C-alpha atoms as a PDB file:
ATOM      1  CA  MET A   1     -44.328  98.283 157.422  1.00  0.00           C
ATOM      2  CA  LYS A   2     -42.710  94.923 158.842  1.00  0.00           C
ATOM      3  CA  THR A   3     -39.427  94.613 159.622  1.00  0.00           C
ATOM      4  CA  ARG A   4     -37.698  90.944 160.215  1.00  0.00           C
ATOM      5  CA  LYS A   5     -34.506  89.390 160.615  1.00  0.00           C
ATOM      6  CA  ILE A   6     -33.746  86.369 158.720  1.00  0.00           C
ATOM      7  CA  ARG A   7     -30.496  84.393 158.163  1.00  0.00           C
ATOM      8  CA  LEU A   8     -29.726  82.771 154.472  1.00  0.00           C
ATOM      9  CA  LYS A   9     -27.223  79.593 154.892  1.00  0.00           C
ATOM     10  CA  THR A  10     -27.469  77.952 151.250  1.00  0.00           C
ATOM     11  CA  VAL A  11     -28.085  78.908 147.960  1.00  0.00           C
ATOM     12  CA  GLU A  12     -31.515  76.679 147.877  1.00  0.00           C
ATOM     13  CA  ASP A  13     -32.652  79.163 150.978  1.00  0.00           C
ATOM     14  CA  LEU A  14     -31.498  82.049 148.941  1.00  0.00           C
ATOM     15  CA  ARG A  15     -33.479  80.966 145.925  1.00  0.00           C
ATOM     16  CA  GLU A  16     -36.547  79.709 148.047  1.00  0.00           C
ATOM     17  CA  PHE A  17     -36.668  83.214 149.580  1.00  0.00           C
ATOM     18  CA  VAL A  18     -36.415  85.071 146.441  1.00  0.00           C
ATOM     19  CA  GLN A  19     -39.116  83.507 144.362  1.00  0.00           C
ATOM     20  CA  THR A  20     -41.498  83.600 147.854  1.00  0.00           C
ATOM     21  CA  ALA A  21     -40.908  87.505 147.706  1.00  0.00           C
ATOM     22  CA  ASP A  22     -41.255  87.601 143.850  1.00  0.00           C
ATOM     23  CA  ARG A  23     -45.333  86.189 144.458  1.00  0.00           C
ATOM     24  CA  CYS A  24     -45.937  88.815 146.646  1.00  0.00           C
ATOM     25  CA  SER A  25     -48.154  91.646 145.040  1.00  0.00           C
ATOM     26  CA  PHE A  26     -46.504  94.342 147.474  1.00  0.00           C
ATOM     27  CA  ASP A  27     -42.856  95.133 148.060  1.00  0.00           C
ATOM     28  CA  VAL A  28     -40.141  93.231 149.658  1.00  0.00           C
ATOM     29  CA  ASP A  29     -36.847  94.798 150.511  1.00  0.00           C
ATOM     30  CA  ILE A  30     -33.840  93.838 152.268  1.00  0.00           C
ATOM     31  CA  LEU A  31     -31.838  96.860 154.222  1.00  0.00           C
ATOM     32  CA  ASN A  32     -27.911  96.427 153.833  1.00  0.00           C
ATOM     33  CA  GLY A  33     -27.025  99.745 155.889  1.00  0.00           C
ATOM     34  CA  GLU A  34     -27.900 102.341 153.909  1.00  0.00           C
ATOM     35  CA  THR A  35     -28.733 100.451 151.234  1.00  0.00           C
ATOM     36  CA  ARG A  36     -32.240  99.059 150.238  1.00  0.00           C
ATOM     37  CA  ILE A  37     -32.332  96.211 147.868  1.00  0.00           C
ATOM     38  CA  ASP A  38     -35.183  94.664 145.701  1.00  0.00           C
ATOM     39  CA  ALA A  39     -35.753  91.065 147.534  1.00  0.00           C
ATOM     40  CA  LYS A  40     -37.330  90.065 144.470  1.00  0.00           C
ATOM     41  CA  SER A  41     -33.889  90.362 142.951  1.00  0.00           C
ATOM     42  CA  ILE A  42     -31.752  87.116 142.722  1.00  0.00           C
ATOM     43  CA  MET A  43     -28.490  89.363 141.601  1.00  0.00           C
ATOM     44  CA  GLY A  44     -29.209  91.967 144.209  1.00  0.00           C
ATOM     45  CA  VAL A  45     -29.963  89.546 147.096  1.00  0.00           C
ATOM     46  CA  MET A  46     -26.686  87.342 146.087  1.00  0.00           C
ATOM     47  CA  SER A  47     -24.694  90.709 146.070  1.00  0.00           C
ATOM     48  CA  LEU A  48     -25.185  90.880 149.732  1.00  0.00           C
ATOM     49  CA  ASP A  49     -23.095  89.056 152.588  1.00  0.00           C
ATOM     50  CA  LEU A  50     -24.819  86.435 153.395  1.00  0.00           C
ATOM     51  CA  THR A  51     -22.474  85.365 156.472  1.00  0.00           C
ATOM     52  CA  LYS A  52     -24.773  88.194 158.343  1.00  0.00           C
ATOM     53  CA  ASP A  53     -28.486  88.367 159.425  1.00  0.00           C
ATOM     54  CA  LEU A  54     -30.639  90.679 156.626  1.00  0.00           C
ATOM     55  CA  GLU A  55     -33.179  92.838 157.393  1.00  0.00           C
ATOM     56  CA  VAL A  56     -36.040  92.221 155.352  1.00  0.00           C
ATOM     57  CA  LEU A  57     -38.896  95.388 155.130  1.00  0.00           C
ATOM     58  CA  CYS A  58     -42.465  94.259 153.971  1.00  0.00           C
ATOM     59  CA  GLU A  59     -45.114  96.426 152.866  1.00  0.00           C
ATOM     60  CA  GLY A  60     -48.092  93.701 153.301  1.00  0.00           C
ATOM     61  CA  GLU A  61     -48.828  90.251 154.561  1.00  0.00           C
ATOM     62  CA  ASP A  62     -48.453  87.165 152.486  1.00  0.00           C
ATOM     63  CA  PRO A  63     -49.147  83.694 154.704  1.00  0.00           C
ATOM     64  CA  ASP A  64     -46.148  81.915 152.405  1.00  0.00           C
ATOM     65  CA  LEU A  65     -43.586  85.049 153.308  1.00  0.00           C
ATOM     66  CA  GLU A  66     -44.693  84.397 156.823  1.00  0.00           C
ATOM     67  CA  ARG A  67     -43.512  80.503 156.783  1.00  0.00           C
ATOM     68  CA  VAL A  68     -40.295  81.335 154.909  1.00  0.00           C
ATOM     69  CA  PHE A  69     -39.726  84.346 157.859  1.00  0.00           C
ATOM     70  CA  THR A  70     -40.224  81.886 160.238  1.00  0.00           C
ATOM     71  CA  GLU A  71     -38.202  78.836 158.553  1.00  0.00           C
ATOM     72  CA  TYR A  72     -35.005  81.502 158.212  1.00  0.00           C
ATOM     73  CA  ALA A  73     -35.448  83.874 161.248  1.00  0.00           C
ATOM     74  CA  ALA A  74     -32.279  84.889 162.970  1.00  0.00           C
ATOM     75  CA  GLU A  75     -31.447  83.399 165.534  1.00  0.00           C
END
């Protein structure tokens, strides 16, 4: 299982991340404290505090998801 930290700054960033996660055949989740949210759920991701870095867990590898991780990597 891989863990990455990302920062989504705009609604367009959020949409691209969720759409990319949704195309993955494996689980992609976001940890928010003790809560685990399905990264494929736009409503779930929209409910998060996007002013903070998001910790993303993924069960597999996908080149498009890796590109998104690089593009939105938390600084």
